[in-house]
Each structure stands twice: as C-alpha cells, then as structure tokens.
Amino acid sequence: MDEASLERAVVVITGVMASGKSTVAQLLAERLPRAVHVRGDVFRRMMVSGRREQEPGGDQEAAEQLRLRYQASAATADLYAGAGWTAVVQDVVLGEHLEPYLRAIRTRPLYLVVLAPSAQSVARREAARAKSGYGSWTVGGLDQVLREQTPRLGLWVDSTDQSPDETVDAILDGLAQALVAE
C-alpha cells in the first residue's frame, strides 16, 4: 500500500495526551496531496458553557459530552472524505470508546494509528509543553488505559525514539496494518 491508498480515506490517529498526535497528524496531512487535519479537541472547546471535562471515574454528563464530541469529529471526517479529501483525525480515543468511534465513521477505507510511546517519554514531553493536558489524569493512569483497556486494532507505533517525521514514515510504511475497514 502507498499514499494513493489514502485518497478519500479517513485516518484516525489516537494515543495518550502528549504522545505526538497533533504533530504527527499535521505532518501526515501535509505529505498527502489533498488532506485535512480534523482536531478532536476543537469539538471539546466548542462547548463554551456547561462543559464537563472527562476525568477518571467521570460522571454521565461528561461521558455524553465526550460521545457528542466524537460524533462531531466522525461526521466531519466523513464530510471531508465524501468531498474527495483525506481526513486525518486526531484525538484521544481510548479504551471502550475506540470501537464505537470507529463504527461511527462511515468512510472506507478507514485506517487507525495508535501512538504508543513509553510513559516516561510522554511524561518528559508533557513537562516540556507550555500547556498541560492531563488535569486530574496522570500519565501512568492514562497509559494504563491505553495499554490494558484499548483494543489492539490498527497500527500501534512505539514512537518513543522516533522523530515526528520518522513516525509519519512508520505510518506510511505500515498502512496495510493500519487498515481497519475497507
């Protein structure tokens, strides 16, 4: 498979916060001839008042808002793909949420990439960032959800010792493994 396989496709890039999703998704989109970068966090930030943040053991309202955010990004990806674009979606979609999220995306082909650098690497990246994404989560706690509760679908990339460009190369080299629906 090659980059032409990604035409009119959806590529979902997930992983824990500070795993490199935004950077890698942007670089991947830039390498493709006609691509958009759908940032899942944009849909969270659209909720101006009444927003509930997803936290460990969060409440039902937070879970409903998370599902709404996922529905919005899936529909946006489908809209762009239907118009001839490759939609590169990046968001934190882990654990029990992953399979329903993938089912919500109707576009085929559908690819999934899970960025899985070591927890130590993520902790270093998080400490170096100007923003803090973790709130009440810990790097170790979210890493545990990734490794122990997230279905082993698609292409898992240990990007611990990779540059963002090397990670994009690994994704393009591993497209056959990343394919989750034709």
Protein backbone atom coordinates (compact mmCIF):
# COMPACT_ATOMS: atom_id res chain seq x y z
CA MET A 1 0.00 0.00 0.00
CA ASP A 2 1.10 3.56 -0.60
CA GLU A 3 -0.05 7.13 -0.15
CA ALA A 4 -2.54 6.72 -3.02
CA SER A 5 -4.39 4.26 -0.75
CA LEU A 6 -5.22 7.21 1.46
CA GLU A 7 -7.23 9.13 -1.14
CA ARG A 8 -10.80 9.78 0.06
CA ALA A 9 -9.96 7.87 3.24
CA VAL A 10 -10.11 8.56 6.95
CA VAL A 11 -7.01 8.07 9.09
CA VAL A 12 -7.60 8.16 12.85
CA ILE A 13 -4.57 8.90 14.99
CA THR A 14 -5.02 8.30 18.70
CA GLY A 15 -2.89 7.93 21.79
CA VAL A 16 -2.49 9.50 25.20
CA MET A 17 -2.03 13.23 25.66
CA ALA A 18 1.48 14.39 24.68
CA SER A 19 2.09 11.29 22.55
CA GLY A 20 2.60 13.43 19.45
CA LYS A 21 -0.85 13.08 17.84
CA SER A 22 -1.21 16.70 16.73
CA THR A 23 2.27 17.00 15.28
CA VAL A 24 2.15 13.63 13.52
CA ALA A 25 -1.35 14.20 12.14
CA GLN A 26 -0.34 17.59 10.76
CA LEU A 27 2.81 16.20 9.16
CA LEU A 28 0.90 13.27 7.65
CA ALA A 29 -1.74 15.60 6.21
CA GLU A 30 0.99 17.82 4.76
CA ARG A 31 2.51 14.86 2.91
CA LEU A 32 -0.74 13.94 1.19
CA PRO A 33 -1.98 15.67 -1.97
CA ARG A 34 -5.41 16.68 -0.63
CA ALA A 35 -5.88 16.32 3.11
CA VAL A 36 -7.48 17.96 6.13
CA HIS A 37 -6.46 17.71 9.78
CA VAL A 38 -9.52 17.18 11.98
CA ARG A 39 -8.57 18.07 15.56
CA GLY A 40 -10.88 16.38 18.04
CA ASP A 41 -10.13 18.88 20.79
CA VAL A 42 -11.73 21.63 18.69
CA PHE A 43 -15.10 19.99 19.27
CA ARG A 44 -14.50 19.88 23.04
CA ARG A 45 -13.61 23.57 23.09
CA MET A 46 -16.79 24.45 21.16
CA MET A 47 -18.72 23.66 24.34
CA VAL A 48 -18.49 27.07 25.95
CA SER A 49 -20.71 26.84 29.00
CA GLY A 50 -21.73 23.72 30.84
CA ARG A 51 -18.75 21.73 29.58
CA ARG A 52 -17.70 18.81 31.76
CA GLU A 53 -14.14 17.57 31.43
CA GLN A 54 -13.54 13.86 31.08
CA GLU A 55 -11.90 12.66 34.30
CA PRO A 56 -11.11 9.28 35.82
CA GLY A 57 -14.43 7.93 37.09
CA GLY A 58 -16.20 10.86 35.42
CA ASP A 59 -19.94 11.42 35.54
CA GLN A 60 -22.62 10.62 32.98
CA GLU A 61 -22.79 14.18 31.62
CA ALA A 62 -19.05 14.19 30.90
CA ALA A 63 -19.41 10.85 29.10
CA GLU A 64 -22.32 12.18 27.00
CA GLN A 65 -20.31 15.26 26.04
CA LEU A 66 -17.38 13.05 25.06
CA ARG A 67 -19.65 10.94 22.84
CA LEU A 68 -21.04 14.11 21.23
CA ARG A 69 -17.51 15.33 20.55
CA TYR A 70 -16.63 12.00 18.95
CA GLN A 71 -19.81 12.06 16.82
CA ALA A 72 -18.94 15.57 15.60
CA SER A 73 -15.39 14.64 14.59
CA ALA A 74 -16.52 11.41 12.90
CA ALA A 75 -19.19 13.28 10.92
CA THR A 76 -16.69 15.98 9.95
CA ALA A 77 -14.20 13.37 8.75
CA ASP A 78 -16.92 11.69 6.68
CA LEU A 79 -18.00 15.04 5.21
CA TYR A 80 -14.48 15.88 4.03
CA ALA A 81 -13.77 12.35 2.76
CA GLY A 82 -17.06 12.38 0.86
CA ALA A 83 -15.91 15.56 -0.88
CA GLY A 84 -12.68 13.92 -2.02
CA TRP A 85 -10.34 14.81 0.83
CA THR A 86 -8.28 12.54 3.05
CA ALA A 87 -9.34 13.26 6.62
CA VAL A 88 -6.61 12.80 9.21
CA VAL A 89 -8.40 12.82 12.56
CA GLN A 90 -6.51 13.11 15.82
CA ASP A 91 -7.98 12.77 19.26
CA VAL A 92 -7.66 10.81 22.48
CA VAL A 93 -9.98 7.86 21.77
CA LEU A 94 -9.06 5.00 24.08
CA GLY A 95 -10.49 2.01 25.91
CA GLU A 96 -14.17 1.27 25.48
CA HIS A 97 -14.63 4.35 23.29
CA LEU A 98 -12.44 3.22 20.40
CA GLU A 99 -14.64 0.64 18.68
CA PRO A 100 -17.85 2.74 18.82
CA TYR A 101 -15.87 5.69 17.46
CA LEU A 102 -14.57 3.67 14.53
CA ARG A 103 -18.10 2.38 13.81
CA ALA A 104 -19.34 6.00 13.72
CA ILE A 105 -17.04 6.73 10.77
CA ARG A 106 -18.74 5.56 7.55
CA THR A 107 -15.93 6.32 5.10
CA ARG A 108 -13.97 3.46 3.65
CA PRO A 109 -11.10 2.86 3.65
CA LEU A 110 -10.63 3.58 7.34
CA TYR A 111 -7.21 3.47 8.98
CA LEU A 112 -6.28 3.54 12.66
CA VAL A 113 -2.91 4.51 14.09
CA VAL A 114 -2.26 4.30 17.83
CA LEU A 115 0.76 6.25 19.01
CA ALA A 116 2.19 4.41 22.00
CA PRO A 117 5.45 5.94 23.20
CA SER A 118 6.63 4.92 26.67
CA ALA A 119 5.01 6.56 29.68
CA GLN A 120 8.41 8.00 30.62
CA SER A 121 8.73 9.61 27.20
CA VAL A 122 5.21 11.06 27.46
CA ALA A 123 5.97 12.44 30.94
CA ARG A 124 9.06 14.21 29.55
CA ARG A 125 7.07 15.62 26.62
CA GLU A 126 4.26 16.78 28.90
CA ALA A 127 6.74 18.52 31.24
CA ALA A 128 8.30 20.34 28.27
CA ARG A 129 4.98 21.60 26.85
CA ALA A 130 3.63 25.07 27.53
CA LYS A 131 0.14 23.61 28.02
CA SER A 132 -0.87 20.86 30.40
CA GLY A 133 -3.35 18.35 29.05
CA TYR A 134 -3.55 15.98 31.97
CA GLY A 135 -5.61 17.79 34.59
CA SER A 136 -6.77 15.11 37.02
CA TRP A 137 -5.31 12.30 34.90
CA THR A 138 -1.79 11.06 35.41
CA VAL A 139 0.48 9.95 32.60
CA GLY A 140 0.68 6.49 34.18
CA GLY A 141 -3.08 6.23 34.61
CA LEU A 142 -3.88 7.16 31.03
CA ASP A 143 -1.04 4.97 29.74
CA GLN A 144 -2.64 2.07 31.61
CA VAL A 145 -5.97 2.72 29.83
CA LEU A 146 -4.09 2.74 26.52
CA ARG A 147 -2.16 -0.47 27.10
CA GLU A 148 -4.65 -2.52 29.12
CA GLN A 149 -8.11 -1.38 28.01
CA THR A 150 -7.73 -0.26 24.40
CA PRO A 151 -8.47 -2.91 21.76
CA ARG A 152 -5.41 -3.93 19.73
CA LEU A 153 -6.70 -2.67 16.39
CA GLY A 154 -4.82 -0.98 13.58
CA LEU A 155 -1.17 0.02 13.62
CA TRP A 156 0.44 0.60 17.02
CA VAL A 157 3.58 2.71 16.78
CA ASP A 158 6.06 2.96 19.65
CA SER A 159 7.32 6.43 18.82
CA THR A 160 9.49 6.74 21.93
CA ASP A 161 12.74 7.07 20.00
CA GLN A 162 11.33 8.46 16.74
CA SER A 163 11.18 11.98 15.42
CA PRO A 164 7.74 13.07 14.20
CA ASP A 165 8.91 12.59 10.59
CA GLU A 166 10.11 9.07 11.39
CA THR A 167 6.72 8.33 12.94
CA VAL A 168 4.97 9.50 9.76
CA ASP A 169 7.32 7.27 7.75
CA ALA A 170 6.36 4.33 10.00
CA ILE A 171 2.67 5.08 9.43
CA LEU A 172 3.05 5.22 5.67
CA ASP A 173 5.14 2.01 5.72
CA GLY A 174 2.52 0.30 7.90
CA LEU A 175 -0.66 1.29 6.05
CA ALA A 176 -1.67 -2.32 5.42
CA GLN A 177 -1.62 -2.99 9.16
CA ALA A 178 -3.40 0.30 9.92
CA LEU A 179 -6.38 -0.60 7.70
CA VAL A 180 -9.37 -1.46 9.92
CA ALA A 181 -12.23 -1.27 7.39
CA GLU A 182 -12.28 -1.47 3.58
